[in-house]
Amino acid sequence: MKTVFRTKGTCSQAIELDVDEDKKTIRSVHFIGGCPGNSYGLAQMVAGQSVDDVIQRLEGITCGMKSTSCPDQLALALRQLVNGD
């Protein structure tokens, strides 16, 4: 299942997600914009991981003075995907 999530409050503009049909495992993640090295590294680290585990690990992470971050936005995107929002 492929989808695009528009981020808010981060340097990246969007996150392209590919999650298996049962919404349990992340196939791939690609950030549009943002810090290339960090976003590529994060995408590589979560590929093949459990959606629930990634949400649990990344949700609530902030970036500097911002109330969110690219990892937090990824967790939000995955939560919305799982919940069908």
PDB file of N, CA and C in Angstrom:
ATOM      1  N   MET A   1       0.835  -1.162   0.000  1.00  0.00           N
ATOM      2  CA  MET A   1       0.000   0.000   0.000  1.00  0.00           C
ATOM      3  C   MET A   1       0.886   1.234   0.000  1.00  0.00           C
ATOM      4  N   LYS A   2       0.816   2.009  -1.057  1.00  0.00           N
ATOM      5  CA  LYS A   2       1.620   3.223  -1.169  1.00  0.00           C
ATOM      6  C   LYS A   2       0.742   4.442  -0.909  1.00  0.00           C
ATOM      7  N   THR A   3       1.328   5.410  -0.232  1.00  0.00           N
ATOM      8  CA  THR A   3       0.615   6.654   0.068  1.00  0.00           C
ATOM      9  C   THR A   3       1.614   7.779   0.243  1.00  0.00           C
ATOM     10  N   VAL A   4       1.132   9.010   0.141  1.00  0.00           N
ATOM     11  CA  VAL A   4       1.959  10.193   0.367  1.00  0.00           C
ATOM     12  C   VAL A   4       1.321  10.987   1.496  1.00  0.00           C
ATOM     13  N   PHE A   5       2.138  11.363   2.476  1.00  0.00           N
ATOM     14  CA  PHE A   5       1.702  12.133   3.624  1.00  0.00           C
ATOM     15  C   PHE A   5       2.351  13.507   3.546  1.00  0.00           C
ATOM     16  N   ARG A   6       1.563  14.564   3.588  1.00  0.00           N
ATOM     17  CA  ARG A   6       2.082  15.935   3.582  1.00  0.00           C
ATOM     18  C   ARG A   6       2.458  16.330   5.009  1.00  0.00           C
ATOM     19  N   THR A   7       3.724  16.632   5.221  1.00  0.00           N
ATOM     20  CA  THR A   7       4.208  16.971   6.560  1.00  0.00           C
ATOM     21  C   THR A   7       3.853  18.407   6.913  1.00  0.00           C
ATOM     22  N   LYS A   8       3.870  18.683   8.219  1.00  0.00           N
ATOM     23  CA  LYS A   8       3.615  20.037   8.723  1.00  0.00           C
ATOM     24  C   LYS A   8       4.648  20.349   9.801  1.00  0.00           C
ATOM     25  N   GLY A   9       5.264  21.520   9.711  1.00  0.00           N
ATOM     26  CA  GLY A   9       6.190  21.964  10.740  1.00  0.00           C
ATOM     27  C   GLY A   9       7.599  21.427  10.631  1.00  0.00           C
ATOM     28  N   THR A  10       7.947  20.847   9.486  1.00  0.00           N
ATOM     29  CA  THR A  10       9.294  20.300   9.292  1.00  0.00           C
ATOM     30  C   THR A  10       9.900  20.813   7.989  1.00  0.00           C
ATOM     31  N   CYS A  11      11.178  20.584   7.818  1.00  0.00           N
ATOM     32  CA  CYS A  11      11.862  20.968   6.579  1.00  0.00           C
ATOM     33  C   CYS A  11      11.396  20.111   5.405  1.00  0.00           C
ATOM     34  N   SER A  12      11.072  18.857   5.665  1.00  0.00           N
ATOM     35  CA  SER A  12      10.566  18.003   4.594  1.00  0.00           C
ATOM     36  C   SER A  12       9.135  18.427   4.253  1.00  0.00           C
ATOM     37  N   GLN A  13       8.755  18.259   2.996  1.00  0.00           N
ATOM     38  CA  GLN A  13       7.415  18.639   2.560  1.00  0.00           C
ATOM     39  C   GLN A  13       6.445  17.467   2.548  1.00  0.00           C
ATOM     40  N   ALA A  14       6.975  16.264   2.392  1.00  0.00           N
ATOM     41  CA  ALA A  14       6.106  15.085   2.295  1.00  0.00           C
ATOM     42  C   ALA A  14       6.914  13.824   2.587  1.00  0.00           C
ATOM     43  N   ILE A  15       6.166  12.746   2.872  1.00  0.00           N
ATOM     44  CA  ILE A  15       6.769  11.435   3.086  1.00  0.00           C
ATOM     45  C   ILE A  15       6.020  10.439   2.215  1.00  0.00           C
ATOM     46  N   GLU A  16       6.749   9.736   1.356  1.00  0.00           N
ATOM     47  CA  GLU A  16       6.166   8.655   0.560  1.00  0.00           C
ATOM     48  C   GLU A  16       6.344   7.366   1.346  1.00  0.00           C
ATOM     49  N   LEU A  17       5.241   6.673   1.601  1.00  0.00           N
ATOM     50  CA  LEU A  17       5.260   5.438   2.389  1.00  0.00           C
ATOM     51  C   LEU A  17       4.815   4.262   1.547  1.00  0.00           C
ATOM     52  N   ASP A  18       5.437   3.128   1.758  1.00  0.00           N
ATOM     53  CA  ASP A  18       4.983   1.861   1.193  1.00  0.00           C
ATOM     54  C   ASP A  18       4.950   0.863   2.340  1.00  0.00           C
ATOM     55  N   VAL A  19       3.735   0.444   2.699  1.00  0.00           N
ATOM     56  CA  VAL A  19       3.499  -0.462   3.820  1.00  0.00           C
ATOM     57  C   VAL A  19       2.781  -1.686   3.273  1.00  0.00           C
ATOM     58  N   ASP A  20       3.067  -2.869   3.837  1.00  0.00           N
ATOM     59  CA  ASP A  20       2.410  -4.081   3.338  1.00  0.00           C
ATOM     60  C   ASP A  20       0.893  -3.978   3.522  1.00  0.00           C
ATOM     61  N   GLU A  21       0.160  -4.867   2.841  1.00  0.00           N
ATOM     62  CA  GLU A  21      -1.292  -4.802   2.786  1.00  0.00           C
ATOM     63  C   GLU A  21      -1.974  -4.890   4.147  1.00  0.00           C
ATOM     64  N   ASP A  22      -1.374  -5.609   5.089  1.00  0.00           N
ATOM     65  CA  ASP A  22      -2.000  -5.726   6.406  1.00  0.00           C
ATOM     66  C   ASP A  22      -1.584  -4.582   7.347  1.00  0.00           C
ATOM     67  N   LYS A  23      -0.835  -3.608   6.816  1.00  0.00           N
ATOM     68  CA  LYS A  23      -0.423  -2.405   7.548  1.00  0.00           C
ATOM     69  C   LYS A  23       0.407  -2.722   8.787  1.00  0.00           C
ATOM     70  N   LYS A  24       1.208  -3.778   8.708  1.00  0.00           N
ATOM     71  CA  LYS A  24       2.019  -4.171   9.860  1.00  0.00           C
ATOM     72  C   LYS A  24       3.511  -3.943   9.657  1.00  0.00           C
ATOM     73  N   THR A  25       3.973  -3.930   8.398  1.00  0.00           N
ATOM     74  CA  THR A  25       5.403  -3.819   8.129  1.00  0.00           C
ATOM     75  C   THR A  25       5.664  -2.723   7.096  1.00  0.00           C
ATOM     76  N   ILE A  26       6.690  -1.920   7.350  1.00  0.00           N
ATOM     77  CA  ILE A  26       7.084  -0.855   6.432  1.00  0.00           C
ATOM     78  C   ILE A  26       7.965  -1.448   5.341  1.00  0.00           C
ATOM     79  N   ARG A  27       7.601  -1.241   4.100  1.00  0.00           N
ATOM     80  CA  ARG A  27       8.435  -1.678   2.976  1.00  0.00           C
ATOM     81  C   ARG A  27       9.497  -0.630   2.666  1.00  0.00           C
ATOM     82  N   SER A  28       9.043   0.631   2.523  1.00  0.00           N
ATOM     83  CA  SER A  28       9.999   1.699   2.224  1.00  0.00           C
ATOM     84  C   SER A  28       9.422   3.048   2.634  1.00  0.00           C
ATOM     85  N   VAL A  29      10.343   3.994   2.834  1.00  0.00           N
ATOM     86  CA  VAL A  29      10.003   5.371   3.187  1.00  0.00           C
ATOM     87  C   VAL A  29      10.913   6.278   2.377  1.00  0.00           C
ATOM     88  N   HIS A  30      10.348   7.362   1.863  1.00  0.00           N
ATOM     89  CA  HIS A  30      11.151   8.358   1.144  1.00  0.00           C
ATOM     90  C   HIS A  30      10.656   9.739   1.544  1.00  0.00           C
ATOM     91  N   PHE A  31      11.560  10.557   2.101  1.00  0.00           N
ATOM     92  CA  PHE A  31      11.224  11.924   2.477  1.00  0.00           C
ATOM     93  C   PHE A  31      11.450  12.841   1.281  1.00  0.00           C
ATOM     94  N   ILE A  32      10.508  13.751   1.058  1.00  0.00           N
ATOM     95  CA  ILE A  32      10.648  14.770   0.020  1.00  0.00           C
ATOM     96  C   ILE A  32      11.103  16.046   0.722  1.00  0.00           C
ATOM     97  N   GLY A  33      12.320  16.491   0.432  1.00  0.00           N
ATOM     98  CA  GLY A  33      12.884  17.659   1.090  1.00  0.00           C
ATOM     99  C   GLY A  33      13.503  17.269   2.422  1.00  0.00           C
ATOM    100  N   GLY A  34      13.914  18.268   3.169  1.00  0.00           N
ATOM    101  CA  GLY A  34      14.537  18.010   4.467  1.00  0.00           C
ATOM    102  C   GLY A  34      16.025  17.745   4.337  1.00  0.00           C
ATOM    103  N   CYS A  35      16.618  17.289   5.409  1.00  0.00           N
ATOM    104  CA  CYS A  35      18.054  16.997   5.458  1.00  0.00           C
ATOM    105  C   CYS A  35      18.311  15.652   4.777  1.00  0.00           C
ATOM    106  N   PRO A  36      18.977  15.637   3.630  1.00  0.00           N
ATOM    107  CA  PRO A  36      19.111  14.406   2.854  1.00  0.00           C
ATOM    108  C   PRO A  36      19.732  13.233   3.609  1.00  0.00           C
ATOM    109  N   GLY A  37      20.817  13.458   4.305  1.00  0.00           N
ATOM    110  CA  GLY A  37      21.489  12.363   5.009  1.00  0.00           C
ATOM    111  C   GLY A  37      20.639  11.798   6.122  1.00  0.00           C
ATOM    112  N   ASN A  38      20.055  12.680   6.925  1.00  0.00           N
ATOM    113  CA  ASN A  38      19.225  12.228   8.039  1.00  0.00           C
ATOM    114  C   ASN A  38      17.980  11.503   7.555  1.00  0.00           C
ATOM    115  N   SER A  39      17.307  12.066   6.560  1.00  0.00           N
ATOM    116  CA  SER A  39      16.072  11.431   6.097  1.00  0.00           C
ATOM    117  C   SER A  39      16.352  10.097   5.401  1.00  0.00           C
ATOM    118  N   TYR A  40      17.454  10.015   4.646  1.00  0.00           N
ATOM    119  CA  TYR A  40      17.807   8.747   4.006  1.00  0.00           C
ATOM    120  C   TYR A  40      18.175   7.709   5.063  1.00  0.00           C
ATOM    121  N   GLY A  41      18.948   8.123   6.061  1.00  0.00           N
ATOM    122  CA  GLY A  41      19.328   7.210   7.142  1.00  0.00           C
ATOM    123  C   GLY A  41      18.118   6.698   7.892  1.00  0.00           C
ATOM    124  N   LEU A  42      17.191   7.588   8.234  1.00  0.00           N
ATOM    125  CA  LEU A  42      15.974   7.190   8.926  1.00  0.00           C
ATOM    126  C   LEU A  42      15.164   6.229   8.073  1.00  0.00           C
ATOM    127  N   ALA A  43      15.030   6.531   6.794  1.00  0.00           N
ATOM    128  CA  ALA A  43      14.274   5.664   5.887  1.00  0.00           C
ATOM    129  C   ALA A  43      14.882   4.263   5.828  1.00  0.00           C
ATOM    130  N   GLN A  44      16.203   4.175   5.797  1.00  0.00           N
ATOM    131  CA  GLN A  44      16.874   2.879   5.760  1.00  0.00           C
ATOM    132  C   GLN A  44      16.670   2.110   7.065  1.00  0.00           C
ATOM    133  N   MET A  45      16.653   2.826   8.175  1.00  0.00           N
ATOM    134  CA  MET A  45      16.517   2.179   9.475  1.00  0.00           C
ATOM    135  C   MET A  45      15.124   1.598   9.704  1.00  0.00           C
ATOM    136  N   VAL A  46      14.091   2.229   9.156  1.00  0.00           N
ATOM    137  CA  VAL A  46      12.726   1.750   9.422  1.00  0.00           C
ATOM    138  C   VAL A  46      12.227   0.744   8.394  1.00  0.00           C
ATOM    139  N   ALA A  47      12.879   0.641   7.248  1.00  0.00           N
ATOM    140  CA  ALA A  47      12.461  -0.336   6.232  1.00  0.00           C
ATOM    141  C   ALA A  47      12.525  -1.745   6.812  1.00  0.00           C
ATOM    142  N   GLY A  48      11.433  -2.488   6.675  1.00  0.00           N
ATOM    143  CA  GLY A  48      11.357  -3.850   7.186  1.00  0.00           C
ATOM    144  C   GLY A  48      10.916  -3.939   8.635  1.00  0.00           C
ATOM    145  N   GLN A  49      10.732  -2.788   9.274  1.00  0.00           N
ATOM    146  CA  GLN A  49      10.347  -2.757  10.680  1.00  0.00           C
ATOM    147  C   GLN A  49       8.825  -2.786  10.843  1.00  0.00           C
ATOM    148  N   SER A  50       8.401  -3.149  12.030  1.00  0.00           N
ATOM    149  CA  SER A  50       6.987  -3.152  12.389  1.00  0.00           C
ATOM    150  C   SER A  50       6.474  -1.712  12.466  1.00  0.00           C
ATOM    151  N   VAL A  51       5.310  -1.476  11.870  1.00  0.00           N
ATOM    152  CA  VAL A  51       4.689  -0.154  11.923  1.00  0.00           C
ATOM    153  C   VAL A  51       4.500   0.279  13.378  1.00  0.00           C
ATOM    154  N   ASP A  52       3.976  -0.611  14.205  1.00  0.00           N
ATOM    155  CA  ASP A  52       3.723  -0.276  15.615  1.00  0.00           C
ATOM    156  C   ASP A  52       5.012   0.067  16.360  1.00  0.00           C
ATOM    157  N   ASP A  53       6.083  -0.677  16.110  1.00  0.00           N
ATOM    158  CA  ASP A  53       7.361  -0.397  16.770  1.00  0.00           C
ATOM    159  C   ASP A  53       7.915   0.968  16.369  1.00  0.00           C
ATOM    160  N   VAL A  54       7.809   1.290  15.090  1.00  0.00           N
ATOM    161  CA  VAL A  54       8.330   2.574  14.607  1.00  0.00           C
ATOM    162  C   VAL A  54       7.517   3.726  15.200  1.00  0.00           C
ATOM    163  N   ILE A  55       6.206   3.588  15.248  1.00  0.00           N
ATOM    164  CA  ILE A  55       5.370   4.628  15.867  1.00  0.00           C
ATOM    165  C   ILE A  55       5.802   4.833  17.314  1.00  0.00           C
ATOM    166  N   GLN A  56       5.946   3.754  18.041  1.00  0.00           N
ATOM    167  CA  GLN A  56       6.302   3.829  19.453  1.00  0.00           C
ATOM    168  C   GLN A  56       7.653   4.515  19.659  1.00  0.00           C
ATOM    169  N   ARG A  57       8.618   4.228  18.800  1.00  0.00           N
ATOM    170  CA  ARG A  57       9.965   4.782  18.953  1.00  0.00           C
ATOM    171  C   ARG A  57      10.077   6.246  18.539  1.00  0.00           C
ATOM    172  N   LEU A  58       9.309   6.656  17.522  1.00  0.00           N
ATOM    173  CA  LEU A  58       9.519   7.973  16.928  1.00  0.00           C
ATOM    174  C   LEU A  58       8.524   9.043  17.350  1.00  0.00           C
ATOM    175  N   GLU A  59       7.365   8.637  17.804  1.00  0.00           N
ATOM    176  CA  GLU A  59       6.321   9.594  18.150  1.00  0.00           C
ATOM    177  C   GLU A  59       6.779  10.529  19.269  1.00  0.00           C
ATOM    178  N   GLY A  60       6.594  11.827  19.047  1.00  0.00           N
ATOM    179  CA  GLY A  60       6.914  12.816  20.063  1.00  0.00           C
ATOM    180  C   GLY A  60       8.311  13.406  19.980  1.00  0.00           C
ATOM    181  N   ILE A  61       9.141  12.918  19.078  1.00  0.00           N
ATOM    182  CA  ILE A  61      10.487  13.479  18.918  1.00  0.00           C
ATOM    183  C   ILE A  61      10.364  14.882  18.324  1.00  0.00           C
ATOM    184  N   THR A  62      11.093  15.832  18.898  1.00  0.00           N
ATOM    185  CA  THR A  62      11.076  17.202  18.389  1.00  0.00           C
ATOM    186  C   THR A  62      12.416  17.531  17.733  1.00  0.00           C
ATOM    187  N   CYS A  63      12.436  18.635  17.004  1.00  0.00           N
ATOM    188  CA  CYS A  63      13.643  19.091  16.308  1.00  0.00           C
ATOM    189  C   CYS A  63      13.900  20.536  16.712  1.00  0.00           C
ATOM    190  N   GLY A  64      14.943  20.762  17.493  1.00  0.00           N
ATOM    191  CA  GLY A  64      15.255  22.120  17.939  1.00  0.00           C
ATOM    192  C   GLY A  64      14.087  22.710  18.707  1.00  0.00           C
ATOM    193  N   MET A  65      13.675  23.889  18.326  1.00  0.00           N
ATOM    194  CA  MET A  65      12.567  24.581  18.991  1.00  0.00           C
ATOM    195  C   MET A  65      11.204  24.203  18.403  1.00  0.00           C
ATOM    196  N   LYS A  66      11.191  23.345  17.382  1.00  0.00           N
ATOM    197  CA  LYS A  66       9.931  22.935  16.755  1.00  0.00           C
ATOM    198  C   LYS A  66       9.210  21.930  17.648  1.00  0.00           C
ATOM    199  N   SER A  67       7.895  21.889  17.523  1.00  0.00           N
ATOM    200  CA  SER A  67       7.100  20.954  18.322  1.00  0.00           C
ATOM    201  C   SER A  67       7.002  19.580  17.675  1.00  0.00           C
ATOM    202  N   THR A  68       7.629  19.414  16.520  1.00  0.00           N
ATOM    203  CA  THR A  68       7.607  18.144  15.785  1.00  0.00           C
ATOM    204  C   THR A  68       8.959  17.934  15.119  1.00  0.00           C
ATOM    205  N   SER A  69       9.080  16.872  14.352  1.00  0.00           N
ATOM    206  CA  SER A  69      10.311  16.553  13.625  1.00  0.00           C
ATOM    207  C   SER A  69       9.946  15.621  12.482  1.00  0.00           C
ATOM    208  N   CYS A  70      10.899  15.333  11.619  1.00  0.00           N
ATOM    209  CA  CYS A  70      10.644  14.356  10.546  1.00  0.00           C
ATOM    210  C   CYS A  70      10.306  12.979  11.127  1.00  0.00           C
ATOM    211  N   PRO A  71      11.027  12.490  12.157  1.00  0.00           N
ATOM    212  CA  PRO A  71      10.637  11.210  12.743  1.00  0.00           C
ATOM    213  C   PRO A  71       9.226  11.245  13.338  1.00  0.00           C
ATOM    214  N   ASP A  72       8.878  12.334  14.016  1.00  0.00           N
ATOM    215  CA  ASP A  72       7.540  12.475  14.593  1.00  0.00           C
ATOM    216  C   ASP A  72       6.486  12.501  13.494  1.00  0.00           C
ATOM    217  N   GLN A  73       6.758  13.191  12.403  1.00  0.00           N
ATOM    218  CA  GLN A  73       5.821  13.243  11.284  1.00  0.00           C
ATOM    219  C   GLN A  73       5.662  11.864  10.637  1.00  0.00           C
ATOM    220  N   LEU A  74       6.740  11.085  10.582  1.00  0.00           N
ATOM    221  CA  LEU A  74       6.649   9.718  10.072  1.00  0.00           C
ATOM    222  C   LEU A  74       5.741   8.890  10.975  1.00  0.00           C
ATOM    223  N   ALA A  75       5.900   9.021  12.282  1.00  0.00           N
ATOM    224  CA  ALA A  75       5.035   8.297  13.225  1.00  0.00           C
ATOM    225  C   ALA A  75       3.579   8.710  13.039  1.00  0.00           C
ATOM    226  N   LEU A  76       3.327  10.006  12.858  1.00  0.00           N
ATOM    227  CA  LEU A  76       1.973  10.500  12.638  1.00  0.00           C
ATOM    228  C   LEU A  76       1.393   9.929  11.339  1.00  0.00           C
ATOM    229  N   ALA A  77       2.198   9.917  10.284  1.00  0.00           N
ATOM    230  CA  ALA A  77       1.742   9.367   9.001  1.00  0.00           C
ATOM    231  C   ALA A  77       1.387   7.891   9.136  1.00  0.00           C
ATOM    232  N   LEU A  78       2.217   7.135   9.833  1.00  0.00           N
ATOM    233  CA  LEU A  78       1.950   5.707  10.023  1.00  0.00           C
ATOM    234  C   LEU A  78       0.701   5.494  10.874  1.00  0.00           C
ATOM    235  N   ARG A  79       0.534   6.295  11.915  1.00  0.00           N
ATOM    236  CA  ARG A  79      -0.655   6.184  12.766  1.00  0.00           C
ATOM    237  C   ARG A  79      -1.925   6.471  11.946  1.00  0.00           C
ATOM    238  N   GLN A  80      -1.884   7.512  11.115  1.00  0.00           N
ATOM    239  CA  GLN A  80      -3.042   7.830  10.277  1.00  0.00           C
ATOM    240  C   GLN A  80      -3.328   6.707   9.288  1.00  0.00           C
ATOM    241  N   LEU A  81      -2.282   6.135   8.727  1.00  0.00           N
ATOM    242  CA  LEU A  81      -2.445   5.031   7.790  1.00  0.00           C
ATOM    243  C   LEU A  81      -3.106   3.831   8.447  1.00  0.00           C
ATOM    244  N   VAL A  82      -2.633   3.475   9.614  1.00  0.00           N
ATOM    245  CA  VAL A  82      -3.159   2.322  10.349  1.00  0.00           C
ATOM    246  C   VAL A  82      -4.613   2.578  10.772  1.00  0.00           C
ATOM    247  N   ASN A  83      -4.903   3.803  11.223  1.00  0.00           N
ATOM    248  CA  ASN A  83      -6.243   4.125  11.701  1.00  0.00           C
ATOM    249  C   ASN A  83      -7.215   4.480  10.580  1.00  0.00           C
ATOM    250  N   GLY A  84      -6.702   4.606   9.352  1.00  0.00           N
ATOM    251  CA  GLY A  84      -7.565   4.915   8.223  1.00  0.00           C
ATOM    252  C   GLY A  84      -8.012   6.357   8.161  1.00  0.00           C
ATOM    253  N   ASP A  85      -7.260   7.256   8.803  1.00  0.00           N
ATOM    254  CA  ASP A  85      -7.620   8.695   8.794  1.00  0.00           C
ATOM    255  C   ASP A  85      -7.326   9.329   7.457  1.00  0.00           C
TER     256      ASP A  85
END
